[in-house]
C-alpha cells in the first residue's frame, strides 16, 4: 500500500524543481513600478470615494442649515461642515505631500 509514496514524492520534487527553473526572474525595478502603480490606483480610488462622501455629507449639512428651524441644528450643521471640509483638505494635502516627496527622494538602486 505504501509503494507509491516514494514515487509520488519524487514526482512532487520533480515538478517543484522544473517549476523553479521555468520561472522568469523579476527585476527589482519592475516590482517597485508595479507596487507604485498599485498604490496610485488605490490612492485614486480612496480619493474618489472620499470626495463623493464629503460632497454628500456637506450637502446634508447645508440642507439642514437651510431648512432647519432650530438654532441648535444649524450650529451643529456648521460644526460638522467645518469638520468635513478640514478632513477632506487634510486628506488632499497628505496626498500632495506624498506625491511631492516622491519626486524629491532619490530612487534607490537595488542590486544583488
N, C-alpha and C. Protein backbone atom coordinates (compact mmCIF):
# COMPACT_ATOMS: atom_id res chain seq x y z
N UNK A 1 0.82 -1.19 0.00
CA UNK A 1 0.00 0.00 0.00
C UNK A 1 0.86 1.26 0.00
N UNK A 2 2.02 1.20 0.62
CA UNK A 2 2.88 2.39 0.69
C UNK A 2 3.94 2.42 -0.40
N UNK A 3 3.79 1.60 -1.42
CA UNK A 3 4.77 1.56 -2.51
C UNK A 3 4.75 2.83 -3.35
N UNK A 4 3.66 3.52 -3.43
CA UNK A 4 3.52 4.68 -4.30
C UNK A 4 4.05 5.97 -3.65
N UNK A 5 4.30 5.96 -2.35
CA UNK A 5 4.75 7.17 -1.65
C UNK A 5 6.09 7.68 -2.18
N UNK A 6 7.13 6.83 -2.35
CA UNK A 6 8.39 7.35 -2.89
C UNK A 6 8.24 7.89 -4.31
N UNK A 7 7.43 7.24 -5.12
CA UNK A 7 7.22 7.71 -6.49
C UNK A 7 6.48 9.06 -6.47
N UNK A 8 5.50 9.16 -5.61
CA UNK A 8 4.75 10.41 -5.51
C UNK A 8 5.65 11.56 -5.03
N UNK A 9 6.48 11.27 -4.05
CA UNK A 9 7.40 12.30 -3.54
C UNK A 9 8.40 12.73 -4.62
N UNK A 10 8.89 11.75 -5.40
CA UNK A 10 9.83 12.07 -6.48
C UNK A 10 9.15 12.94 -7.54
N UNK A 11 7.92 12.63 -7.89
CA UNK A 11 7.20 13.43 -8.88
C UNK A 11 6.95 14.84 -8.34
N UNK A 12 6.60 14.97 -7.09
CA UNK A 12 6.41 16.31 -6.49
C UNK A 12 7.71 17.10 -6.52
N UNK A 13 8.83 16.43 -6.17
CA UNK A 13 10.13 17.10 -6.21
C UNK A 13 10.48 17.51 -7.63
N UNK A 14 10.19 16.65 -8.60
CA UNK A 14 10.48 16.94 -10.00
C UNK A 14 9.65 18.13 -10.49
N UNK A 15 8.39 18.14 -10.15
CA UNK A 15 7.52 19.25 -10.57
C UNK A 15 7.96 20.56 -9.93
N UNK A 16 8.29 20.54 -8.65
CA UNK A 16 8.74 21.76 -7.96
C UNK A 16 10.06 22.24 -8.55
N UNK A 17 10.97 21.31 -8.84
CA UNK A 17 12.26 21.71 -9.42
C UNK A 17 12.11 22.30 -10.80
N UNK A 18 11.30 21.66 -11.66
CA UNK A 18 11.10 22.20 -13.01
C UNK A 18 10.37 23.54 -12.96
N UNK A 19 9.45 23.69 -12.04
CA UNK A 19 8.75 24.98 -11.90
C UNK A 19 9.74 26.08 -11.51
N UNK A 20 10.66 25.75 -10.62
CA UNK A 20 11.65 26.74 -10.20
C UNK A 20 12.55 27.14 -11.35
N UNK A 21 12.87 26.21 -12.25
CA UNK A 21 13.73 26.53 -13.39
C UNK A 21 12.98 27.31 -14.47
N UNK A 22 11.67 27.13 -14.56
CA UNK A 22 10.91 27.78 -15.63
C UNK A 22 10.43 29.17 -15.24
N UNK A 23 10.50 29.52 -13.99
CA UNK A 23 10.06 30.84 -13.56
C UNK A 23 11.04 31.89 -14.05
N UNK A 24 10.52 32.93 -14.65
CA UNK A 24 11.38 34.01 -15.14
C UNK A 24 11.69 34.95 -13.99
N UNK A 25 12.93 35.42 -13.93
CA UNK A 25 13.28 36.34 -12.84
C UNK A 25 12.57 37.68 -13.02
N UNK A 26 12.22 38.27 -11.90
CA UNK A 26 11.58 39.58 -11.90
C UNK A 26 12.59 40.57 -11.35
N UNK A 27 12.81 41.63 -12.07
CA UNK A 27 13.78 42.62 -11.64
C UNK A 27 13.17 43.55 -10.60
N UNK A 28 14.02 44.12 -9.77
CA UNK A 28 13.55 44.95 -8.66
C UNK A 28 12.77 46.16 -9.16
N UNK A 29 13.21 46.77 -10.24
CA UNK A 29 12.51 47.96 -10.71
C UNK A 29 11.11 47.61 -11.19
N UNK A 30 10.92 46.40 -11.72
CA UNK A 30 9.58 46.00 -12.13
C UNK A 30 8.67 45.84 -10.92
N UNK A 31 9.19 45.28 -9.85
CA UNK A 31 8.39 45.11 -8.65
C UNK A 31 8.00 46.47 -8.08
N UNK A 32 8.97 47.39 -8.01
CA UNK A 32 8.67 48.70 -7.45
C UNK A 32 7.74 49.50 -8.36
N UNK A 33 7.88 49.35 -9.66
CA UNK A 33 6.97 50.03 -10.58
C UNK A 33 5.56 49.49 -10.42
N UNK A 34 5.43 48.17 -10.31
CA UNK A 34 4.11 47.58 -10.11
C UNK A 34 3.50 48.02 -8.78
N UNK A 35 4.31 48.05 -7.73
CA UNK A 35 3.81 48.48 -6.42
C UNK A 35 3.38 49.95 -6.46
N UNK A 36 4.17 50.77 -7.14
CA UNK A 36 3.83 52.19 -7.24
C UNK A 36 2.52 52.37 -8.00
N UNK A 37 2.35 51.65 -9.10
CA UNK A 37 1.11 51.75 -9.86
C UNK A 37 -0.09 51.27 -9.05
N UNK A 38 0.10 50.19 -8.29
CA UNK A 38 -0.99 49.67 -7.46
C UNK A 38 -1.37 50.68 -6.38
N UNK A 39 -0.36 51.27 -5.73
CA UNK A 39 -0.65 52.25 -4.68
C UNK A 39 -1.32 53.50 -5.24
N UNK A 40 -0.91 53.93 -6.43
CA UNK A 40 -1.55 55.09 -7.04
C UNK A 40 -3.01 54.79 -7.38
N UNK A 41 -3.26 53.57 -7.84
CA UNK A 41 -4.65 53.20 -8.15
C UNK A 41 -5.49 53.19 -6.87
N UNK A 42 -4.96 52.60 -5.81
CA UNK A 42 -5.68 52.56 -4.54
C UNK A 42 -5.92 53.98 -4.03
N UNK A 43 -4.87 54.83 -4.11
CA UNK A 43 -5.00 56.22 -3.64
C UNK A 43 -6.07 56.95 -4.44
N UNK A 44 -6.07 56.79 -5.75
CA UNK A 44 -7.07 57.47 -6.58
C UNK A 44 -8.48 56.98 -6.25
N UNK A 45 -8.63 55.69 -5.97
CA UNK A 45 -9.95 55.18 -5.59
C UNK A 45 -10.40 55.76 -4.24
N UNK A 46 -9.47 55.81 -3.28
CA UNK A 46 -9.81 56.36 -1.95
C UNK A 46 -10.16 57.84 -2.07
N UNK A 47 -9.39 58.57 -2.86
CA UNK A 47 -9.68 60.00 -3.03
C UNK A 47 -11.04 60.21 -3.69
N UNK A 48 -11.35 59.38 -4.68
CA UNK A 48 -12.65 59.50 -5.33
C UNK A 48 -13.79 59.24 -4.37
N UNK A 49 -13.66 58.19 -3.57
CA UNK A 49 -14.70 57.87 -2.60
C UNK A 49 -14.80 58.95 -1.53
N UNK A 50 -13.64 59.44 -1.06
CA UNK A 50 -13.65 60.48 -0.03
C UNK A 50 -14.27 61.77 -0.54
N UNK A 51 -14.01 62.10 -1.79
CA UNK A 51 -14.57 63.33 -2.35
C UNK A 51 -16.08 63.22 -2.48
N UNK A 52 -16.56 62.08 -2.98
CA UNK A 52 -18.01 61.90 -3.11
C UNK A 52 -18.67 61.91 -1.73
N UNK A 53 -18.06 61.23 -0.76
CA UNK A 53 -18.63 61.22 0.59
C UNK A 53 -18.63 62.61 1.20
N UNK A 54 -17.58 63.38 0.98
CA UNK A 54 -17.52 64.73 1.52
C UNK A 54 -18.59 65.62 0.89
N UNK A 55 -18.82 65.47 -0.40
CA UNK A 55 -19.85 66.28 -1.08
C UNK A 55 -21.23 65.91 -0.57
N UNK A 56 -21.50 64.62 -0.42
CA UNK A 56 -22.82 64.19 0.06
C UNK A 56 -23.05 64.68 1.49
N UNK A 57 -22.05 64.50 2.36
CA UNK A 57 -22.20 64.94 3.75
C UNK A 57 -22.33 66.46 3.84
N UNK A 58 -21.59 67.17 3.01
CA UNK A 58 -21.70 68.63 3.00
C UNK A 58 -23.08 69.06 2.54
N UNK A 59 -23.61 68.37 1.55
CA UNK A 59 -24.96 68.70 1.07
C UNK A 59 -26.00 68.48 2.16
N UNK A 60 -25.85 67.41 2.92
CA UNK A 60 -26.79 67.16 4.02
C UNK A 60 -26.68 68.26 5.06
N UNK A 61 -25.45 68.66 5.38
CA UNK A 61 -25.27 69.74 6.36
C UNK A 61 -25.88 71.05 5.86
N UNK A 62 -25.67 71.34 4.59
CA UNK A 62 -26.23 72.58 4.04
C UNK A 62 -27.75 72.55 4.02
N UNK A 63 -28.34 71.40 3.66
CA UNK A 63 -29.79 71.29 3.71
C UNK A 63 -30.31 71.47 5.13
N UNK A 64 -29.62 70.87 6.11
CA UNK A 64 -30.04 71.05 7.49
C UNK A 64 -29.93 72.50 7.92
N UNK A 65 -28.88 73.18 7.47
CA UNK A 65 -28.72 74.59 7.84
C UNK A 65 -29.80 75.45 7.21
N UNK A 66 -30.18 75.14 5.99
CA UNK A 66 -31.15 75.98 5.29
C UNK A 66 -32.60 75.71 5.71
N UNK A 67 -32.92 74.46 6.00
CA UNK A 67 -34.32 74.12 6.24
C UNK A 67 -34.66 73.86 7.69
N UNK A 68 -33.71 74.01 8.59
CA UNK A 68 -33.98 73.75 10.00
C UNK A 68 -34.51 75.00 10.67
N UNK A 69 -35.42 74.79 11.59
CA UNK A 69 -35.97 75.92 12.35
C UNK A 69 -35.31 76.02 13.72
N UNK A 70 -34.48 75.04 14.04
CA UNK A 70 -33.82 75.01 15.33
C UNK A 70 -32.41 75.61 15.20
N UNK A 71 -32.09 76.52 16.09
CA UNK A 71 -30.77 77.13 16.08
C UNK A 71 -29.68 76.12 16.44
N UNK A 72 -30.03 75.17 17.29
CA UNK A 72 -29.06 74.16 17.69
C UNK A 72 -28.66 73.29 16.50
N UNK A 73 -29.63 72.91 15.67
CA UNK A 73 -29.35 72.09 14.49
C UNK A 73 -28.47 72.84 13.50
N UNK A 74 -28.72 74.13 13.34
CA UNK A 74 -27.91 74.95 12.44
C UNK A 74 -26.47 75.03 12.94
N UNK A 75 -26.29 75.23 14.24
CA UNK A 75 -24.94 75.30 14.81
C UNK A 75 -24.20 73.97 14.66
N UNK A 76 -24.90 72.87 14.93
CA UNK A 76 -24.26 71.56 14.78
C UNK A 76 -23.93 71.28 13.31
N UNK A 77 -24.79 71.71 12.41
CA UNK A 77 -24.51 71.52 10.98
C UNK A 77 -23.28 72.31 10.55
N UNK A 78 -23.14 73.54 11.07
CA UNK A 78 -21.94 74.33 10.75
C UNK A 78 -20.67 73.65 11.27
N UNK A 79 -20.75 73.14 12.48
CA UNK A 79 -19.58 72.46 13.06
C UNK A 79 -19.22 71.23 12.23
N UNK A 80 -20.22 70.43 11.85
CA UNK A 80 -19.94 69.24 11.04
C UNK A 80 -19.43 69.60 9.66
N UNK A 81 -19.95 70.69 9.09
CA UNK A 81 -19.47 71.13 7.78
C UNK A 81 -18.00 71.53 7.85
N UNK A 82 -17.61 72.22 8.92
CA UNK A 82 -16.20 72.57 9.11
C UNK A 82 -15.34 71.33 9.25
N UNK A 83 -15.81 70.35 10.02
CA UNK A 83 -15.05 69.10 10.20
C UNK A 83 -14.87 68.37 8.87
N UNK A 84 -15.93 68.31 8.09
CA UNK A 84 -15.86 67.63 6.80
C UNK A 84 -14.86 68.31 5.89
N UNK A 85 -14.92 69.63 5.82
CA UNK A 85 -14.00 70.38 4.95
C UNK A 85 -12.56 70.21 5.41
N UNK A 86 -12.33 70.27 6.71
CA UNK A 86 -10.96 70.13 7.24
C UNK A 86 -10.43 68.72 6.97
N UNK A 87 -11.23 67.70 7.20
CA UNK A 87 -10.78 66.32 6.94
C UNK A 87 -10.48 66.09 5.48
N UNK A 88 -11.33 66.59 4.60
CA UNK A 88 -11.10 66.44 3.16
C UNK A 88 -9.83 67.18 2.74
N UNK A 89 -9.63 68.38 3.27
CA UNK A 89 -8.43 69.15 2.93
C UNK A 89 -7.16 68.46 3.43
N UNK A 90 -7.23 67.89 4.63
CA UNK A 90 -6.06 67.18 5.17
C UNK A 90 -5.75 65.96 4.31
N UNK A 91 -6.76 65.23 3.89
CA UNK A 91 -6.55 64.06 3.03
C UNK A 91 -5.92 64.47 1.70
N UNK A 92 -6.39 65.53 1.11
CA UNK A 92 -5.82 66.01 -0.16
C UNK A 92 -4.39 66.52 0.04
N UNK A 93 -4.15 67.20 1.16
CA UNK A 93 -2.80 67.71 1.43
C UNK A 93 -1.81 66.57 1.64
N UNK A 94 -2.23 65.53 2.35
CA UNK A 94 -1.35 64.37 2.55
C UNK A 94 -1.00 63.72 1.22
N UNK A 95 -1.97 63.60 0.35
CA UNK A 95 -1.69 63.04 -0.98
C UNK A 95 -0.73 63.91 -1.77
N UNK A 96 -0.90 65.22 -1.69
CA UNK A 96 0.01 66.13 -2.40
C UNK A 96 1.42 66.05 -1.83
N UNK A 97 1.53 65.95 -0.52
CA UNK A 97 2.85 65.85 0.11
C UNK A 97 3.55 64.56 -0.30
N UNK A 98 2.81 63.46 -0.30
CA UNK A 98 3.41 62.18 -0.70
C UNK A 98 3.88 62.24 -2.15
N UNK A 99 3.06 62.79 -3.03
CA UNK A 99 3.46 62.89 -4.43
C UNK A 99 4.66 63.81 -4.60
N UNK A 100 4.72 64.90 -3.85
CA UNK A 100 5.84 65.83 -3.95
C UNK A 100 7.11 65.21 -3.38
N UNK A 101 7.00 64.54 -2.23
CA UNK A 101 8.18 63.94 -1.61
C UNK A 101 8.72 62.77 -2.44
N UNK A 102 7.84 62.12 -3.18
CA UNK A 102 8.28 61.01 -4.02
C UNK A 102 9.25 61.50 -5.09
N UNK A 103 9.04 62.70 -5.58
CA UNK A 103 9.93 63.26 -6.60
C UNK A 103 11.25 63.72 -5.99
N UNK A 104 11.23 64.14 -4.72
CA UNK A 104 12.45 64.66 -4.09
C UNK A 104 13.39 63.55 -3.63
N UNK A 105 12.81 62.46 -3.14
CA UNK A 105 13.64 61.38 -2.60
C UNK A 105 14.28 60.63 -3.77
N UNK A 106 15.60 60.48 -3.75
CA UNK A 106 16.24 59.78 -4.86
C UNK A 106 15.87 58.31 -4.87
N UNK A 107 15.76 57.77 -6.06
CA UNK A 107 15.41 56.36 -6.19
C UNK A 107 16.59 55.50 -5.79
N UNK A 108 16.34 54.45 -5.07
CA UNK A 108 17.39 53.56 -4.60
C UNK A 108 17.73 52.57 -5.70
N UNK A 109 18.97 52.19 -5.75
CA UNK A 109 19.42 51.17 -6.69
C UNK A 109 19.57 49.86 -5.92
N UNK A 110 18.79 48.88 -6.27
CA UNK A 110 18.87 47.58 -5.60
C UNK A 110 19.55 46.61 -6.55
N UNK A 111 20.68 46.13 -6.16
CA UNK A 111 21.41 45.14 -6.97
C UNK A 111 21.74 43.95 -6.10
N UNK A 112 21.88 42.85 -6.75
CA UNK A 112 22.23 41.64 -5.99
C UNK A 112 23.61 41.16 -6.32
